Amino acid sequence: MITVTDNANSKINDLLVDNSEPFLRISVQGGGCAGFSYGFTLDSEVTDDDFEIPAGETTVLVDSMSAQYVSGAE
């Protein structure tokens, strides 16, 4: 689905440890004329429609609606 580089993985792990959260969530929302808006938030819960992407020592979450827009991203 997506590829998390070593540098990104290192930064994600630092953020998660500093903020005591287990997951990074990637989301995509419609932005009207400006196109899509991509969100990156820290999260503590996995929902039923999430894809769990292993990223080194952690897991990145992408909801099923956003997955189609980030598929193949690095």
N, C-alpha and C. Protein backbone atom coordinates (compact mmCIF):
# COMPACT_ATOMS: atom_id res chain seq x y z
N MET A 1 0.82 -1.19 0.00
CA MET A 1 0.00 0.00 0.00
C MET A 1 0.87 1.26 0.00
N ILE A 2 1.61 1.53 1.09
CA ILE A 2 2.55 2.65 1.12
C ILE A 2 3.89 2.14 1.61
N THR A 3 4.93 2.90 1.30
CA THR A 3 6.26 2.56 1.77
C THR A 3 6.73 3.65 2.72
N VAL A 4 7.19 3.27 3.89
CA VAL A 4 7.72 4.22 4.86
C VAL A 4 9.24 4.11 4.82
N THR A 5 9.91 5.20 4.44
CA THR A 5 11.37 5.18 4.34
C THR A 5 11.99 5.09 5.73
N ASP A 6 13.27 4.74 5.77
CA ASP A 6 13.98 4.63 7.05
C ASP A 6 13.99 5.96 7.79
N ASN A 7 14.22 7.07 7.06
CA ASN A 7 14.23 8.39 7.70
C ASN A 7 12.86 8.74 8.28
N ALA A 8 11.80 8.47 7.52
CA ALA A 8 10.45 8.75 8.00
C ALA A 8 10.12 7.87 9.20
N ASN A 9 10.51 6.62 9.14
CA ASN A 9 10.26 5.70 10.24
C ASN A 9 10.92 6.19 11.53
N SER A 10 12.14 6.66 11.42
CA SER A 10 12.86 7.17 12.58
C SER A 10 12.12 8.36 13.19
N LYS A 11 11.67 9.30 12.36
CA LYS A 11 10.95 10.48 12.85
C LYS A 11 9.61 10.09 13.45
N ILE A 12 8.90 9.17 12.81
CA ILE A 12 7.61 8.69 13.33
C ILE A 12 7.81 8.10 14.72
N ASN A 13 8.81 7.25 14.87
CA ASN A 13 9.07 6.63 16.17
C ASN A 13 9.37 7.69 17.23
N ASP A 14 10.17 8.70 16.88
CA ASP A 14 10.48 9.78 17.83
C ASP A 14 9.20 10.50 18.27
N LEU A 15 8.34 10.83 17.31
CA LEU A 15 7.09 11.53 17.63
C LEU A 15 6.17 10.70 18.52
N LEU A 16 6.07 9.41 18.21
CA LEU A 16 5.19 8.54 18.99
C LEU A 16 5.69 8.39 20.42
N VAL A 17 6.99 8.24 20.58
CA VAL A 17 7.56 8.11 21.93
C VAL A 17 7.37 9.41 22.71
N ASP A 18 7.67 10.54 22.07
CA ASP A 18 7.54 11.85 22.73
C ASP A 18 6.11 12.15 23.15
N ASN A 19 5.13 11.64 22.43
CA ASN A 19 3.72 11.95 22.69
C ASN A 19 2.94 10.79 23.27
N SER A 20 3.60 9.68 23.58
CA SER A 20 2.97 8.51 24.20
C SER A 20 1.76 7.99 23.42
N GLU A 21 1.86 7.98 22.11
CA GLU A 21 0.81 7.42 21.26
C GLU A 21 1.40 6.25 20.47
N PRO A 22 0.59 5.22 20.21
CA PRO A 22 1.12 4.04 19.52
C PRO A 22 1.10 4.08 17.99
N PHE A 23 0.29 4.99 17.38
CA PHE A 23 0.12 4.93 15.93
C PHE A 23 0.19 6.31 15.28
N LEU A 24 0.65 6.33 14.03
CA LEU A 24 0.52 7.50 13.16
C LEU A 24 -0.62 7.19 12.21
N ARG A 25 -1.55 8.13 12.07
CA ARG A 25 -2.68 7.96 11.16
C ARG A 25 -2.51 8.91 9.97
N ILE A 26 -2.68 8.37 8.78
CA ILE A 26 -2.65 9.16 7.55
C ILE A 26 -4.07 9.20 7.01
N SER A 27 -4.55 10.40 6.68
CA SER A 27 -5.90 10.52 6.15
C SER A 27 -5.91 11.50 4.98
N VAL A 28 -6.93 11.37 4.14
CA VAL A 28 -7.10 12.23 2.98
C VAL A 28 -8.53 12.76 3.02
N GLN A 29 -8.65 14.09 2.83
CA GLN A 29 -9.98 14.71 2.79
C GLN A 29 -10.09 15.54 1.53
N GLY A 30 -11.30 15.60 0.99
CA GLY A 30 -11.54 16.44 -0.18
C GLY A 30 -11.32 17.90 0.17
N GLY A 31 -10.70 18.63 -0.73
CA GLY A 31 -10.40 20.03 -0.46
C GLY A 31 -11.05 20.99 -1.42
N GLY A 32 -12.04 20.55 -2.16
CA GLY A 32 -12.70 21.44 -3.12
C GLY A 32 -11.79 21.81 -4.27
N CYS A 33 -11.73 23.10 -4.58
CA CYS A 33 -10.93 23.60 -5.71
C CYS A 33 -9.44 23.38 -5.52
N ALA A 34 -9.01 23.30 -4.28
CA ALA A 34 -7.57 23.16 -3.98
C ALA A 34 -7.12 21.71 -4.04
N GLY A 35 -8.01 20.78 -4.30
CA GLY A 35 -7.63 19.37 -4.35
C GLY A 35 -7.76 18.71 -2.98
N PHE A 36 -6.97 17.71 -2.74
CA PHE A 36 -7.04 16.96 -1.51
C PHE A 36 -6.20 17.59 -0.41
N SER A 37 -6.60 17.32 0.84
CA SER A 37 -5.80 17.69 2.01
C SER A 37 -5.35 16.40 2.67
N TYR A 38 -4.08 16.30 2.95
CA TYR A 38 -3.52 15.11 3.56
C TYR A 38 -3.24 15.39 5.03
N GLY A 39 -3.72 14.50 5.89
CA GLY A 39 -3.55 14.69 7.33
C GLY A 39 -2.67 13.64 7.94
N PHE A 40 -1.89 14.06 8.91
CA PHE A 40 -1.02 13.17 9.67
C PHE A 40 -1.27 13.46 11.14
N THR A 41 -1.85 12.49 11.86
CA THR A 41 -2.14 12.69 13.27
C THR A 41 -1.65 11.49 14.06
N LEU A 42 -1.45 11.69 15.35
CA LEU A 42 -1.09 10.60 16.25
C LEU A 42 -2.39 10.05 16.81
N ASP A 43 -2.46 8.74 16.96
CA ASP A 43 -3.71 8.11 17.37
C ASP A 43 -3.42 6.95 18.31
N SER A 44 -4.43 6.61 19.11
CA SER A 44 -4.28 5.49 20.04
C SER A 44 -5.24 4.35 19.75
N GLU A 45 -6.11 4.51 18.74
CA GLU A 45 -7.11 3.49 18.46
C GLU A 45 -7.12 3.06 17.00
N VAL A 46 -7.31 1.77 16.80
CA VAL A 46 -7.47 1.19 15.47
C VAL A 46 -8.96 0.95 15.27
N THR A 47 -9.50 1.40 14.13
CA THR A 47 -10.91 1.16 13.85
C THR A 47 -11.05 -0.03 12.90
N ASP A 48 -12.27 -0.49 12.74
CA ASP A 48 -12.54 -1.67 11.91
C ASP A 48 -12.15 -1.49 10.45
N ASP A 49 -12.21 -0.25 9.94
CA ASP A 49 -11.91 -0.04 8.52
C ASP A 49 -10.49 0.45 8.27
N ASP A 50 -9.62 0.33 9.26
CA ASP A 50 -8.22 0.75 9.10
C ASP A 50 -7.36 -0.32 8.46
N PHE A 51 -6.44 0.11 7.61
CA PHE A 51 -5.36 -0.75 7.16
C PHE A 51 -4.19 -0.48 8.09
N GLU A 52 -3.56 -1.54 8.58
CA GLU A 52 -2.41 -1.39 9.46
C GLU A 52 -1.15 -1.71 8.66
N ILE A 53 -0.27 -0.72 8.55
CA ILE A 53 0.93 -0.85 7.74
C ILE A 53 2.13 -0.89 8.66
N PRO A 54 2.85 -2.02 8.71
CA PRO A 54 4.04 -2.10 9.55
C PRO A 54 5.09 -1.10 9.07
N ALA A 55 5.67 -0.38 10.02
CA ALA A 55 6.70 0.61 9.71
C ALA A 55 7.78 0.52 10.77
N GLY A 56 8.66 -0.43 10.58
CA GLY A 56 9.73 -0.61 11.57
C GLY A 56 9.17 -1.04 12.90
N GLU A 57 9.37 -0.20 13.90
CA GLU A 57 8.93 -0.52 15.26
C GLU A 57 7.49 -0.12 15.53
N THR A 58 6.82 0.48 14.59
CA THR A 58 5.47 0.97 14.81
C THR A 58 4.54 0.56 13.68
N THR A 59 3.33 1.08 13.71
CA THR A 59 2.33 0.80 12.69
C THR A 59 1.71 2.10 12.24
N VAL A 60 1.54 2.25 10.93
CA VAL A 60 0.86 3.41 10.36
C VAL A 60 -0.56 2.96 10.02
N LEU A 61 -1.54 3.79 10.37
CA LEU A 61 -2.94 3.49 10.09
C LEU A 61 -3.44 4.34 8.93
N VAL A 62 -4.20 3.71 8.04
CA VAL A 62 -4.85 4.41 6.93
C VAL A 62 -6.26 3.88 6.84
N ASP A 63 -7.26 4.77 6.91
CA ASP A 63 -8.64 4.31 6.80
C ASP A 63 -8.93 3.87 5.36
N SER A 64 -9.96 3.07 5.20
CA SER A 64 -10.23 2.48 3.89
C SER A 64 -10.55 3.52 2.81
N MET A 65 -11.19 4.62 3.15
CA MET A 65 -11.48 5.66 2.15
C MET A 65 -10.21 6.37 1.69
N SER A 66 -9.28 6.61 2.61
CA SER A 66 -8.04 7.30 2.27
C SER A 66 -7.07 6.39 1.55
N ALA A 67 -7.18 5.10 1.76
CA ALA A 67 -6.24 4.14 1.21
C ALA A 67 -6.11 4.23 -0.31
N GLN A 68 -7.23 4.44 -0.98
CA GLN A 68 -7.20 4.50 -2.44
C GLN A 68 -6.40 5.69 -2.97
N TYR A 69 -6.26 6.75 -2.17
CA TYR A 69 -5.55 7.95 -2.59
C TYR A 69 -4.06 7.94 -2.24
N VAL A 70 -3.68 7.11 -1.27
CA VAL A 70 -2.27 7.07 -0.88
C VAL A 70 -1.57 5.79 -1.35
N SER A 71 -2.32 4.92 -2.00
CA SER A 71 -1.74 3.67 -2.47
C SER A 71 -0.54 3.94 -3.39
N GLY A 72 0.57 3.32 -3.08
CA GLY A 72 1.78 3.49 -3.86
C GLY A 72 2.68 4.63 -3.40
N ALA A 73 2.24 5.39 -2.41
CA ALA A 73 3.02 6.53 -1.92
C ALA A 73 4.24 6.05 -1.12
N GLU A 74 5.25 6.90 -1.11
CA GLU A 74 6.45 6.62 -0.30
C GLU A 74 6.68 7.79 0.62
